[in-house]
């Protein structure tokens, strides 16, 4: 007996393809949801709400708690089990009283360990038991387009989770002190007032940035300080209570170097720092640096990224003539530069 023939029509093929596409889309959505959920669950217990009180400078527009006391709030996250918390400088700068609320509702008085308006970063500390610390990642390893999850307390709504992607890397953002913060991460994960100081994390829950700013009224233009910058700043704040640094007066951006140039000059790294601007009457301008120059070493130390330059510009460099190597239109140039002390506001 011959087997029955099954006719495959164009309509049935289209239905089959639509069903397969729907199932594939569902799988993608499930994977995306699982990634966001995993990230939020891993970081959630380390995220805190920070409330501050300080003297009001503009009573007509302030919310008061008692005579001439302005209150505000922001976010932060625990990064050591013994109670050190990272947040933004603008959240706690000049605060008279700081209170921290954990994700489980417990509240603790906190004190300011130190803050750095130049990078908009600060460290506060609480004395509390059984704290869960966030796992810090590597902001140099992230790529444009990868998933980014932000957790914070916008408008006081605790532990709010938003998700998006890393929109761009190597941005510059001007801090409240007037200094350009370099190597900033741009994301479209939604941020609102109160998110400041909260973590930006990967799908595995590792912190890659400290959320700091949004561009209004634009949508999807949000920024975070790279966690590698935050690690360095936090360590110095814990040790010294402030950041003392020298200053050469350039705003820079990380850029790759052409492979042929790396080989020709035998450079130690395949990336450098391109000068975006050299501030007027700064050590950089006096040394002859121009927009477009690419810094590759400072004081005989390789400079592969803006964080390398920040680490090298220590307080001990103030007033010392240091060799600075940069590339200009394919030519390698070495000049002497004399850093000056950076003035914090």
C-alpha atoms as a PDB file:
ATOM      1  CA  UNK A   1       0.000   0.000   0.000  1.00  0.00           C
ATOM      2  CA  UNK A   2       1.433   3.364  -0.994  1.00  0.00           C
ATOM      3  CA  UNK A   3       1.939   5.918   1.788  1.00  0.00           C
ATOM      4  CA  UNK A   4      -0.409   8.895   1.801  1.00  0.00           C
ATOM      5  CA  UNK A   5       0.916  12.053   0.250  1.00  0.00           C
ATOM      6  CA  UNK A   6       1.024  15.196   2.356  1.00  0.00           C
ATOM      7  CA  UNK A   7       0.739  18.342   0.306  1.00  0.00           C
ATOM      8  CA  UNK A   8       2.711  21.304   1.578  1.00  0.00           C
ATOM      9  CA  UNK A   9       1.038  24.492   0.509  1.00  0.00           C
ATOM     10  CA  UNK A  10       2.475  28.001   0.520  1.00  0.00           C
ATOM     11  CA  UNK A  11       0.054  28.930   3.314  1.00  0.00           C
ATOM     12  CA  UNK A  12       1.175  26.050   5.523  1.00  0.00           C
ATOM     13  CA  UNK A  13       4.837  26.897   4.927  1.00  0.00           C
ATOM     14  CA  UNK A  14       4.192  30.508   5.881  1.00  0.00           C
ATOM     15  CA  UNK A  15       2.359  29.369   9.023  1.00  0.00           C
ATOM     16  CA  UNK A  16       5.253  27.085   9.941  1.00  0.00           C
ATOM     17  CA  UNK A  17       7.795  29.869   9.456  1.00  0.00           C
ATOM     18  CA  UNK A  18       5.699  32.287  11.521  1.00  0.00           C
ATOM     19  CA  UNK A  19       5.413  29.742  14.337  1.00  0.00           C
ATOM     20  CA  UNK A  20       9.171  29.073  14.264  1.00  0.00           C
ATOM     21  CA  UNK A  21       9.868  32.825  14.293  1.00  0.00           C
ATOM     22  CA  UNK A  22       7.465  33.339  17.211  1.00  0.00           C
ATOM     23  CA  UNK A  23       9.117  30.535  19.193  1.00  0.00           C
ATOM     24  CA  UNK A  24      12.582  31.985  18.456  1.00  0.00           C
ATOM     25  CA  UNK A  25      11.470  35.468  19.537  1.00  0.00           C
ATOM     26  CA  UNK A  26      10.050  34.010  22.748  1.00  0.00           C
ATOM     27  CA  UNK A  27      13.349  32.263  23.442  1.00  0.00           C
ATOM     28  CA  UNK A  28      15.226  35.536  22.959  1.00  0.00           C
ATOM     29  CA  UNK A  29      12.805  37.389  25.230  1.00  0.00           C
ATOM     30  CA  UNK A  30      13.113  34.687  27.876  1.00  0.00           C
ATOM     31  CA  UNK A  31      16.916  34.862  27.692  1.00  0.00           C
ATOM     32  CA  UNK A  32      16.839  38.676  27.950  1.00  0.00           C
ATOM     33  CA  UNK A  33      14.442  38.562  30.903  1.00  0.00           C
ATOM     34  CA  UNK A  34      16.571  35.935  32.618  1.00  0.00           C
ATOM     35  CA  UNK A  35      19.703  38.046  32.167  1.00  0.00           C
ATOM     36  CA  UNK A  36      18.093  41.189  33.608  1.00  0.00           C
ATOM     37  CA  UNK A  37      16.537  39.224  36.477  1.00  0.00           C
ATOM     38  CA  UNK A  38      19.839  37.551  37.304  1.00  0.00           C
ATOM     39  CA  UNK A  39      21.685  40.869  37.312  1.00  0.00           C
ATOM     40  CA  UNK A  40      19.045  42.576  39.480  1.00  0.00           C
ATOM     41  CA  UNK A  41      18.979  39.724  41.998  1.00  0.00           C
ATOM     42  CA  UNK A  42      22.757  39.651  42.309  1.00  0.00           C
ATOM     43  CA  UNK A  43      23.243  43.398  42.834  1.00  0.00           C
ATOM     44  CA  UNK A  44      19.976  44.228  44.618  1.00  0.00           C
ATOM     45  CA  UNK A  45      21.041  43.592  48.216  1.00  0.00           C
ATOM     46  CA  UNK A  46      24.135  45.809  47.801  1.00  0.00           C
ATOM     47  CA  UNK A  47      22.199  48.866  46.555  1.00  0.00           C
ATOM     48  CA  UNK A  48      21.323  51.489  49.168  1.00  0.00           C
ATOM     49  CA  UNK A  49      19.272  54.653  49.406  1.00  0.00           C
ATOM     50  CA  UNK A  50      21.186  57.688  50.731  1.00  0.00           C
ATOM     51  CA  UNK A  51      19.391  60.603  52.370  1.00  0.00           C
ATOM     52  CA  UNK A  52      21.224  63.766  53.305  1.00  0.00           C
ATOM     53  CA  UNK A  53      20.607  67.019  55.137  1.00  0.00           C
ATOM     54  CA  UNK A  54      22.613  70.184  54.604  1.00  0.00           C
ATOM     55  CA  UNK A  55      22.223  73.919  54.999  1.00  0.00           C
ATOM     56  CA  UNK A  56      19.913  75.355  52.344  1.00  0.00           C
ATOM     57  CA  UNK A  57      21.421  77.974  50.042  1.00  0.00           C
ATOM     58  CA  UNK A  58      18.141  78.789  48.267  1.00  0.00           C
ATOM     59  CA  UNK A  59      15.291  78.625  50.794  1.00  0.00           C
ATOM     60  CA  UNK A  60      12.625  79.562  48.232  1.00  0.00           C
ATOM     61  CA  UNK A  61      13.181  76.359  46.239  1.00  0.00           C
ATOM     62  CA  UNK A  62      14.213  73.929  48.988  1.00  0.00           C
ATOM     63  CA  UNK A  63      12.371  71.184  50.783  1.00  0.00           C
ATOM     64  CA  UNK A  64      12.994  71.665  54.477  1.00  0.00           C
ATOM     65  CA  UNK A  65      13.325  69.466  57.508  1.00  0.00           C
ATOM     66  CA  UNK A  66      13.755  71.970  60.309  1.00  0.00           C
ATOM     67  CA  UNK A  67      15.136  75.504  60.053  1.00  0.00           C
ATOM     68  CA  UNK A  68      17.214  76.096  56.918  1.00  0.00           C
ATOM     69  CA  UNK A  69      17.870  72.397  56.361  1.00  0.00           C
ATOM     70  CA  UNK A  70      17.737  71.140  52.779  1.00  0.00           C
ATOM     71  CA  UNK A  71      17.242  67.424  52.294  1.00  0.00           C
ATOM     72  CA  UNK A  72      18.027  65.315  49.278  1.00  0.00           C
ATOM     73  CA  UNK A  73      18.497  61.722  48.302  1.00  0.00           C
ATOM     74  CA  UNK A  74      20.454  59.520  45.963  1.00  0.00           C
ATOM     75  CA  UNK A  75      21.715  55.995  45.543  1.00  0.00           C
ATOM     76  CA  UNK A  76      24.868  54.087  46.312  1.00  0.00           C
ATOM     77  CA  UNK A  77      26.174  50.556  46.609  1.00  0.00           C
ATOM     78  CA  UNK A  78      28.177  48.635  49.185  1.00  0.00           C
ATOM     79  CA  UNK A  79      31.526  47.570  47.736  1.00  0.00           C
ATOM     80  CA  UNK A  80      33.232  46.083  50.822  1.00  0.00           C
ATOM     81  CA  UNK A  81      31.676  43.832  53.490  1.00  0.00           C
ATOM     82  CA  UNK A  82      32.804  46.232  56.234  1.00  0.00           C
ATOM     83  CA  UNK A  83      30.474  49.007  55.116  1.00  0.00           C
ATOM     84  CA  UNK A  84      32.217  51.187  52.542  1.00  0.00           C
ATOM     85  CA  UNK A  85      29.707  52.592  50.038  1.00  0.00           C
ATOM     86  CA  UNK A  86      30.348  54.222  46.661  1.00  0.00           C
ATOM     87  CA  UNK A  87      28.137  57.078  45.501  1.00  0.00           C
ATOM     88  CA  UNK A  88      28.352  60.401  43.670  1.00  0.00           C
ATOM     89  CA  UNK A  89      30.110  63.407  45.145  1.00  0.00           C
ATOM     90  CA  UNK A  90      27.166  65.638  44.247  1.00  0.00           C
ATOM     91  CA  UNK A  91      24.885  63.439  46.379  1.00  0.00           C
ATOM     92  CA  UNK A  92      26.835  63.906  49.642  1.00  0.00           C
ATOM     93  CA  UNK A  93      29.037  66.985  49.068  1.00  0.00           C
ATOM     94  CA  UNK A  94      28.821  69.345  52.064  1.00  0.00           C
ATOM     95  CA  UNK A  95      26.195  67.111  53.718  1.00  0.00           C
ATOM     96  CA  UNK A  96      25.686  67.777  57.431  1.00  0.00           C
ATOM     97  CA  UNK A  97      23.910  64.482  58.084  1.00  0.00           C
ATOM     98  CA  UNK A  98      23.879  61.257  56.046  1.00  0.00           C
ATOM     99  CA  UNK A  99      21.507  58.341  56.526  1.00  0.00           C
ATOM    100  CA  UNK A 100      21.622  55.065  54.583  1.00  0.00           C
ATOM    101  CA  UNK A 101      18.697  52.684  54.042  1.00  0.00           C
ATOM    102  CA  UNK A 102      19.503  49.096  53.029  1.00  0.00           C
ATOM    103  CA  UNK A 103      17.392  47.079  50.617  1.00  0.00           C
ATOM    104  CA  UNK A 104      15.758  45.241  53.552  1.00  0.00           C
ATOM    105  CA  UNK A 105      14.622  48.527  55.112  1.00  0.00           C
ATOM    106  CA  UNK A 106      17.246  48.816  57.861  1.00  0.00           C
ATOM    107  CA  UNK A 107      18.527  52.366  58.348  1.00  0.00           C
ATOM    108  CA  UNK A 108      21.942  53.471  59.605  1.00  0.00           C
ATOM    109  CA  UNK A 109      23.704  56.735  60.203  1.00  0.00           C
ATOM    110  CA  UNK A 110      26.680  57.163  57.867  1.00  0.00           C
ATOM    111  CA  UNK A 111      29.748  59.348  57.725  1.00  0.00           C
ATOM    112  CA  UNK A 112      31.642  60.776  54.787  1.00  0.00           C
ATOM    113  CA  UNK A 113      34.999  59.093  54.234  1.00  0.00           C
ATOM    114  CA  UNK A 114      35.921  61.413  51.377  1.00  0.00           C
ATOM    115  CA  UNK A 115      34.666  62.827  48.100  1.00  0.00           C
ATOM    116  CA  UNK A 116      36.199  63.959  44.832  1.00  0.00           C
ATOM    117  CA  UNK A 117      34.126  66.520  42.915  1.00  0.00           C
ATOM    118  CA  UNK A 118      36.505  66.255  39.942  1.00  0.00           C
ATOM    119  CA  UNK A 119      35.302  62.707  39.206  1.00  0.00           C
ATOM    120  CA  UNK A 120      31.915  63.090  40.963  1.00  0.00           C
ATOM    121  CA  UNK A 121      32.706  60.149  43.235  1.00  0.00           C
ATOM    122  CA  UNK A 122      32.468  59.768  47.002  1.00  0.00           C
ATOM    123  CA  UNK A 123      32.806  57.105  49.673  1.00  0.00           C
ATOM    124  CA  UNK A 124      30.627  56.935  52.776  1.00  0.00           C
ATOM    125  CA  UNK A 125      30.632  54.282  55.469  1.00  0.00           C
ATOM    126  CA  UNK A 126      28.142  52.624  57.797  1.00  0.00           C
ATOM    127  CA  UNK A 127      28.690  50.390  60.801  1.00  0.00           C
ATOM    128  CA  UNK A 128      26.391  47.441  60.151  1.00  0.00           C
ATOM    129  CA  UNK A 129      26.668  43.636  60.326  1.00  0.00           C
ATOM    130  CA  UNK A 130      26.202  40.998  57.608  1.00  0.00           C
ATOM    131  CA  UNK A 131      26.539  43.296  54.629  1.00  0.00           C
ATOM    132  CA  UNK A 132      26.524  42.012  51.067  1.00  0.00           C
ATOM    133  CA  UNK A 133      29.086  43.716  48.826  1.00  0.00           C
ATOM    134  CA  UNK A 134      28.736  44.213  45.085  1.00  0.00           C
ATOM    135  CA  UNK A 135      31.199  42.492  42.777  1.00  0.00           C
ATOM    136  CA  UNK A 136      33.232  45.043  40.825  1.00  0.00           C
ATOM    137  CA  UNK A 137      33.898  44.309  37.166  1.00  0.00           C
ATOM    138  CA  UNK A 138      36.337  45.661  34.579  1.00  0.00           C
ATOM    139  CA  UNK A 139      35.063  48.630  32.566  1.00  0.00           C
ATOM    140  CA  UNK A 140      37.872  48.164  30.036  1.00  0.00           C
ATOM    141  CA  UNK A 141      36.369  44.831  28.986  1.00  0.00           C
ATOM    142  CA  UNK A 142      32.879  46.057  28.074  1.00  0.00           C
ATOM    143  CA  UNK A 143      31.698  46.592  24.495  1.00  0.00           C
ATOM    144  CA  UNK A 144      29.223  48.898  22.824  1.00  0.00           C
ATOM    145  CA  UNK A 145      25.865  47.169  22.469  1.00  0.00           C
ATOM    146  CA  UNK A 146      26.120  44.838  25.442  1.00  0.00           C
ATOM    147  CA  UNK A 147      23.379  44.652  28.053  1.00  0.00           C
ATOM    148  CA  UNK A 148      23.536  47.210  30.874  1.00  0.00           C
ATOM    149  CA  UNK A 149      21.292  47.177  33.946  1.00  0.00           C
ATOM    150  CA  UNK A 150      20.897  50.160  36.295  1.00  0.00           C
ATOM    151  CA  UNK A 151      19.585  49.857  39.844  1.00  0.00           C
ATOM    152  CA  UNK A 152      18.789  52.797  42.094  1.00  0.00           C
ATOM    153  CA  UNK A 153      16.164  54.810  43.914  1.00  0.00           C
ATOM    154  CA  UNK A 154      14.681  57.374  41.490  1.00  0.00           C
ATOM    155  CA  UNK A 155      12.354  59.808  43.236  1.00  0.00           C
ATOM    156  CA  UNK A 156      12.636  57.630  46.339  1.00  0.00           C
ATOM    157  CA  UNK A 157      11.254  54.465  44.699  1.00  0.00           C
ATOM    158  CA  UNK A 158      13.698  51.977  46.158  1.00  0.00           C
ATOM    159  CA  UNK A 159      15.455  49.252  44.153  1.00  0.00           C
ATOM    160  CA  UNK A 160      14.127  50.330  40.765  1.00  0.00           C
ATOM    161  CA  UNK A 161      15.606  48.309  37.895  1.00  0.00           C
ATOM    162  CA  UNK A 162      15.998  49.605  34.338  1.00  0.00           C
ATOM    163  CA  UNK A 163      17.795  47.941  31.442  1.00  0.00           C
ATOM    164  CA  UNK A 164      19.339  49.005  28.162  1.00  0.00           C
ATOM    165  CA  UNK A 165      22.654  48.743  26.397  1.00  0.00           C
ATOM    166  CA  UNK A 166      26.076  50.340  26.527  1.00  0.00           C
ATOM    167  CA  UNK A 167      25.522  53.070  23.937  1.00  0.00           C
ATOM    168  CA  UNK A 168      29.083  54.432  23.710  1.00  0.00           C
ATOM    169  CA  UNK A 169      32.429  54.381  25.488  1.00  0.00           C
ATOM    170  CA  UNK A 170      35.098  57.007  26.061  1.00  0.00           C
ATOM    171  CA  UNK A 171      32.714  59.937  26.493  1.00  0.00           C
ATOM    172  CA  UNK A 172      33.706  63.078  28.425  1.00  0.00           C
ATOM    173  CA  UNK A 173      31.356  64.749  30.893  1.00  0.00           C
ATOM    174  CA  UNK A 174      31.875  67.998  32.812  1.00  0.00           C
ATOM    175  CA  UNK A 175      31.611  67.581  36.586  1.00  0.00           C
ATOM    176  CA  UNK A 176      30.174  70.103  39.019  1.00  0.00           C
ATOM    177  CA  UNK A 177      33.740  71.268  39.748  1.00  0.00           C
ATOM    178  CA  UNK A 178      34.145  72.228  36.094  1.00  0.00           C
ATOM    179  CA  UNK A 179      36.643  69.454  35.295  1.00  0.00           C
ATOM    180  CA  UNK A 180      35.956  67.091  32.439  1.00  0.00           C
ATOM    181  CA  UNK A 181      35.437  63.510  33.593  1.00  0.00           C
ATOM    182  CA  UNK A 182      36.975  61.282  30.940  1.00  0.00           C
ATOM    183  CA  UNK A 183      36.221  57.712  29.865  1.00  0.00           C
ATOM    184  CA  UNK A 184      32.538  57.952  30.814  1.00  0.00           C
ATOM    185  CA  UNK A 185      30.114  55.191  29.797  1.00  0.00           C
ATOM    186  CA  UNK A 186      26.993  56.238  27.871  1.00  0.00           C
ATOM    187  CA  UNK A 187      23.912  54.039  28.254  1.00  0.00           C
ATOM    188  CA  UNK A 188      20.220  54.149  27.401  1.00  0.00           C
ATOM    189  CA  UNK A 189      19.216  52.355  30.620  1.00  0.00           C
ATOM    190  CA  UNK A 190      16.746  54.900  32.000  1.00  0.00           C
ATOM    191  CA  UNK A 191      17.998  57.086  34.854  1.00  0.00           C
ATOM    192  CA  UNK A 192      16.058  59.677  36.841  1.00  0.00           C
ATOM    193  CA  UNK A 193      16.806  61.992  39.780  1.00  0.00           C
ATOM    194  CA  UNK A 194      17.671  59.719  42.689  1.00  0.00           C
ATOM    195  CA  UNK A 195      19.516  57.187  40.513  1.00  0.00           C
ATOM    196  CA  UNK A 196      22.746  59.138  41.024  1.00  0.00           C
ATOM    197  CA  UNK A 197      25.387  56.986  42.689  1.00  0.00           C
ATOM    198  CA  UNK A 198      23.729  53.663  41.916  1.00  0.00           C
ATOM    199  CA  UNK A 199      25.457  50.859  40.023  1.00  0.00           C
ATOM    200  CA  UNK A 200      25.431  50.099  36.324  1.00  0.00           C
ATOM    201  CA  UNK A 201      26.003  46.355  35.971  1.00  0.00           C
ATOM    202  CA  UNK A 202      26.486  43.649  33.349  1.00  0.00           C
ATOM    203  CA  UNK A 203      24.167  40.700  32.793  1.00  0.00           C
ATOM    204  CA  UNK A 204      26.214  38.790  35.391  1.00  0.00           C
ATOM    205  CA  UNK A 205      25.687  41.503  38.007  1.00  0.00           C
ATOM    206  CA  UNK A 206      29.240  42.884  37.981  1.00  0.00           C
ATOM    207  CA  UNK A 207      29.471  46.649  38.454  1.00  0.00           C
ATOM    208  CA  UNK A 208      30.924  48.450  35.431  1.00  0.00           C
ATOM    209  CA  UNK A 209      29.926  52.019  36.298  1.00  0.00           C
ATOM    210  CA  UNK A 210      28.557  54.488  38.837  1.00  0.00           C
ATOM    211  CA  UNK A 211      25.459  56.212  37.433  1.00  0.00           C
ATOM    212  CA  UNK A 212      25.924  59.946  37.511  1.00  0.00           C
ATOM    213  CA  UNK A 213      23.964  62.040  35.006  1.00  0.00           C
ATOM    214  CA  UNK A 214      21.255  62.329  32.380  1.00  0.00           C
ATOM    215  CA  UNK A 215      20.825  64.818  29.565  1.00  0.00           C
ATOM    216  CA  UNK A 216      17.415  66.479  29.753  1.00  0.00           C
ATOM    217  CA  UNK A 217      15.046  66.741  27.944  1.00  0.00           C
ATOM    218  CA  UNK A 218      16.696  64.111  25.708  1.00  0.00           C
ATOM    219  CA  UNK A 219      15.702  60.474  26.177  1.00  0.00           C
ATOM    220  CA  UNK A 220      18.184  57.635  26.493  1.00  0.00           C
ATOM    221  CA  UNK A 221      21.246  59.830  27.101  1.00  0.00           C
ATOM    222  CA  UNK A 222      22.530  58.623  30.461  1.00  0.00           C
ATOM    223  CA  UNK A 223      26.065  58.415  31.809  1.00  0.00           C
ATOM    224  CA  UNK A 224      28.087  56.442  34.345  1.00  0.00           C
ATOM    225  CA  UNK A 225      31.607  56.862  35.712  1.00  0.00           C
ATOM    226  CA  UNK A 226      33.678  53.828  34.665  1.00  0.00           C
ATOM    227  CA  UNK A 227      34.260  51.427  37.565  1.00  0.00           C
ATOM    228  CA  UNK A 228      38.014  51.277  36.886  1.00  0.00           C
ATOM    229  CA  UNK A 229      38.163  55.008  37.576  1.00  0.00           C
ATOM    230  CA  UNK A 230      36.001  54.499  40.671  1.00  0.00           C
ATOM    231  CA  UNK A 231      38.275  51.752  42.043  1.00  0.00           C
ATOM    232  CA  UNK A 232      41.292  54.047  41.923  1.00  0.00           C
ATOM    233  CA  UNK A 233      39.449  57.049  43.387  1.00  0.00           C
ATOM    234  CA  UNK A 234      37.795  55.001  46.153  1.00  0.00           C
ATOM    235  CA  UNK A 235      41.133  53.540  47.229  1.00  0.00           C
ATOM    236  CA  UNK A 236      42.665  56.988  47.557  1.00  0.00           C
ATOM    237  CA  UNK A 237      39.628  58.369  49.397  1.00  0.00           C
ATOM    238  CA  UNK A 238      39.750  55.527  51.920  1.00  0.00           C
ATOM    239  CA  UNK A 239      43.481  56.067  52.417  1.00  0.00           C
ATOM    240  CA  UNK A 240      43.685  59.887  52.412  1.00  0.00           C
ATOM    241  CA  UNK A 241      40.119  61.222  52.594  1.00  0.00           C
ATOM    242  CA  UNK A 242      40.675  63.210  49.396  1.00  0.00           C
ATOM    243  CA  UNK A 243      42.366  63.035  46.028  1.00  0.00           C
ATOM    244  CA  UNK A 244      45.557  65.024  45.644  1.00  0.00           C
ATOM    245  CA  UNK A 245      46.593  65.082  42.020  1.00  0.00           C
ATOM    246  CA  UNK A 246      48.725  66.983  39.599  1.00  0.00           C
ATOM    247  CA  UNK A 247      47.226  68.518  36.526  1.00  0.00           C
ATOM    248  CA  UNK A 248      48.331  69.067  32.934  1.00  0.00           C
ATOM    249  CA  UNK A 249      45.111  70.500  31.495  1.00  0.00           C
ATOM    250  CA  UNK A 250      43.980  68.118  28.782  1.00  0.00           C
ATOM    251  CA  UNK A 251      40.629  66.501  28.109  1.00  0.00           C
ATOM    252  CA  UNK A 252      41.266  63.186  26.411  1.00  0.00           C
ATOM    253  CA  UNK A 253      39.669  60.145  24.839  1.00  0.00           C
ATOM    254  CA  UNK A 254      40.980  56.595  24.509  1.00  0.00           C
ATOM    255  CA  UNK A 255      41.808  55.723  20.895  1.00  0.00           C
ATOM    256  CA  UNK A 256      43.393  52.702  19.166  1.00  0.00           C
ATOM    257  CA  UNK A 257      46.751  53.181  17.450  1.00  0.00           C
ATOM    258  CA  UNK A 258      47.472  52.010  13.894  1.00  0.00           C
ATOM    259  CA  UNK A 259      49.328  48.698  14.024  1.00  0.00           C
ATOM    260  CA  UNK A 260      52.027  49.907  11.640  1.00  0.00           C
ATOM    261  CA  UNK A 261      52.764  52.866  13.923  1.00  0.00           C
ATOM    262  CA  UNK A 262      52.963  50.640  16.991  1.00  0.00           C
ATOM    263  CA  UNK A 263      55.496  48.429  15.198  1.00  0.00           C
ATOM    264  CA  UNK A 264      57.469  51.302  13.661  1.00  0.00           C
ATOM    265  CA  UNK A 265      57.995  53.123  16.975  1.00  0.00           C
ATOM    266  CA  UNK A 266      58.029  49.926  19.074  1.00  0.00           C
ATOM    267  CA  UNK A 267      55.286  51.306  21.320  1.00  0.00           C
ATOM    268  CA  UNK A 268      54.387  49.369  24.487  1.00  0.00           C
ATOM    269  CA  UNK A 269      50.618  49.531  23.844  1.00  0.00           C
ATOM    270  CA  UNK A 270      48.247  49.555  20.884  1.00  0.00           C
ATOM    271  CA  UNK A 271      46.178  52.440  22.287  1.00  0.00           C
ATOM    272  CA  UNK A 272      46.715  55.957  23.629  1.00  0.00           C
ATOM    273  CA  UNK A 273      44.926  59.120  24.761  1.00  0.00           C
ATOM    274  CA  UNK A 274      43.876  61.589  22.089  1.00  0.00           C
ATOM    275  CA  UNK A 275      43.863  65.224  23.215  1.00  0.00           C
ATOM    276  CA  UNK A 276      40.349  66.615  22.770  1.00  0.00           C
ATOM    277  CA  UNK A 277      41.253  70.046  24.203  1.00  0.00           C
ATOM    278  CA  UNK A 278      44.263  71.646  25.853  1.00  0.00           C
ATOM    279  CA  UNK A 279      43.061  74.249  28.322  1.00  0.00           C
ATOM    280  CA  UNK A 280      44.365  77.825  27.942  1.00  0.00           C
ATOM    281  CA  UNK A 281      47.467  78.634  30.010  1.00  0.00           C
ATOM    282  CA  UNK A 282      47.716  75.034  31.197  1.00  0.00           C
ATOM    283  CA  UNK A 283      50.895  72.915  31.411  1.00  0.00           C
ATOM    284  CA  UNK A 284      49.727  71.076  28.288  1.00  0.00           C
ATOM    285  CA  UNK A 285      49.334  74.266  26.268  1.00  0.00           C
ATOM    286  CA  UNK A 286      52.677  75.583  27.486  1.00  0.00           C
ATOM    287  CA  UNK A 287      54.295  72.285  26.436  1.00  0.00           C
ATOM    288  CA  UNK A 288      52.819  72.670  22.937  1.00  0.00           C
ATOM    289  CA  UNK A 289      50.127  69.969  22.946  1.00  0.00           C
ATOM    290  CA  UNK A 290      47.323  70.447  20.432  1.00  0.00           C
ATOM    291  CA  UNK A 291      43.933  68.942  19.718  1.00  0.00           C
ATOM    292  CA  UNK A 292      44.373  65.601  17.951  1.00  0.00           C
ATOM    293  CA  UNK A 293      47.753  64.722  19.491  1.00  0.00           C
ATOM    294  CA  UNK A 294      47.818  61.205  20.939  1.00  0.00           C
ATOM    295  CA  UNK A 295      49.659  60.755  24.241  1.00  0.00           C
ATOM    296  CA  UNK A 296      51.437  57.384  24.459  1.00  0.00           C
ATOM    297  CA  UNK A 297      53.695  57.784  27.500  1.00  0.00           C
ATOM    298  CA  UNK A 298      54.239  60.021  30.500  1.00  0.00           C
ATOM    299  CA  UNK A 299      57.475  59.989  32.479  1.00  0.00           C
ATOM    300  CA  UNK A 300      58.677  56.882  30.606  1.00  0.00           C
ATOM    301  CA  UNK A 301      55.498  55.040  31.670  1.00  0.00           C
ATOM    302  CA  UNK A 302      53.118  53.816  28.935  1.00  0.00           C
ATOM    303  CA  UNK A 303      49.755  55.558  28.639  1.00  0.00           C
ATOM    304  CA  UNK A 304      47.232  53.225  27.015  1.00  0.00           C
ATOM    305  CA  UNK A 305      44.105  54.854  28.465  1.00  0.00           C
ATOM    306  CA  UNK A 306      42.960  57.954  30.298  1.00  0.00           C
ATOM    307  CA  UNK A 307      42.965  56.023  33.588  1.00  0.00           C
ATOM    308  CA  UNK A 308      46.701  55.389  33.150  1.00  0.00           C
ATOM    309  CA  UNK A 309      47.308  59.124  32.828  1.00  0.00           C
ATOM    310  CA  UNK A 310      45.183  59.870  35.893  1.00  0.00           C
ATOM    311  CA  UNK A 311      47.161  57.352  37.960  1.00  0.00           C
ATOM    312  CA  UNK A 312      50.456  58.863  36.871  1.00  0.00           C
ATOM    313  CA  UNK A 313      49.397  62.443  37.650  1.00  0.00           C
ATOM    314  CA  UNK A 314      50.058  62.124  41.366  1.00  0.00           C
ATOM    315  CA  UNK A 315      50.712  64.872  43.877  1.00  0.00           C
ATOM    316  CA  UNK A 316      54.434  64.021  43.773  1.00  0.00           C
ATOM    317  CA  UNK A 317      54.603  65.171  40.133  1.00  0.00           C
ATOM    318  CA  UNK A 318      53.731  68.805  40.911  1.00  0.00           C
ATOM    319  CA  UNK A 319      56.467  71.173  39.710  1.00  0.00           C
ATOM    320  CA  UNK A 320      58.653  68.432  38.202  1.00  0.00           C
ATOM    321  CA  UNK A 321      59.604  68.485  34.520  1.00  0.00           C
ATOM    322  CA  UNK A 322      58.471  65.151  33.090  1.00  0.00           C
ATOM    323  CA  UNK A 323      59.002  63.785  29.545  1.00  0.00           C
ATOM    324  CA  UNK A 324      55.717  63.379  27.676  1.00  0.00           C
ATOM    325  CA  UNK A 325      55.597  61.396  24.433  1.00  0.00           C
ATOM    326  CA  UNK A 326      52.840  61.877  21.879  1.00  0.00           C
ATOM    327  CA  UNK A 327      52.101  61.235  18.221  1.00  0.00           C
ATOM    328  CA  UNK A 328      51.221  64.030  15.799  1.00  0.00           C
ATOM    329  CA  UNK A 329      50.401  63.184  12.173  1.00  0.00           C
ATOM    330  CA  UNK A 330      52.474  60.030  12.390  1.00  0.00           C
ATOM    331  CA  UNK A 331      55.485  61.709  14.005  1.00  0.00           C
ATOM    332  CA  UNK A 332      56.679  60.756  17.489  1.00  0.00           C
ATOM    333  CA  UNK A 333      57.408  63.832  19.625  1.00  0.00           C
ATOM    334  CA  UNK A 334      58.841  64.108  23.142  1.00  0.00           C
ATOM    335  CA  UNK A 335      58.423  67.302  25.195  1.00  0.00           C
ATOM    336  CA  UNK A 336      59.020  68.295  28.801  1.00  0.00           C
ATOM    337  CA  UNK A 337      55.843  69.115  30.732  1.00  0.00           C
ATOM    338  CA  UNK A 338      55.614  70.593  34.245  1.00  0.00           C
ATOM    339  CA  UNK A 339      52.382  69.549  36.023  1.00  0.00           C
ATOM    340  CA  UNK A 340      50.773  71.849  38.547  1.00  0.00           C
ATOM    341  CA  UNK A 341      48.570  70.991  41.496  1.00  0.00           C
ATOM    342  CA  UNK A 342      44.921  70.543  40.758  1.00  0.00           C
ATOM    343  CA  UNK A 343      42.675  72.833  42.779  1.00  0.00           C
ATOM    344  CA  UNK A 344      39.564  71.139  44.172  1.00  0.00           C
ATOM    345  CA  UNK A 345      36.406  73.121  44.730  1.00  0.00           C
END
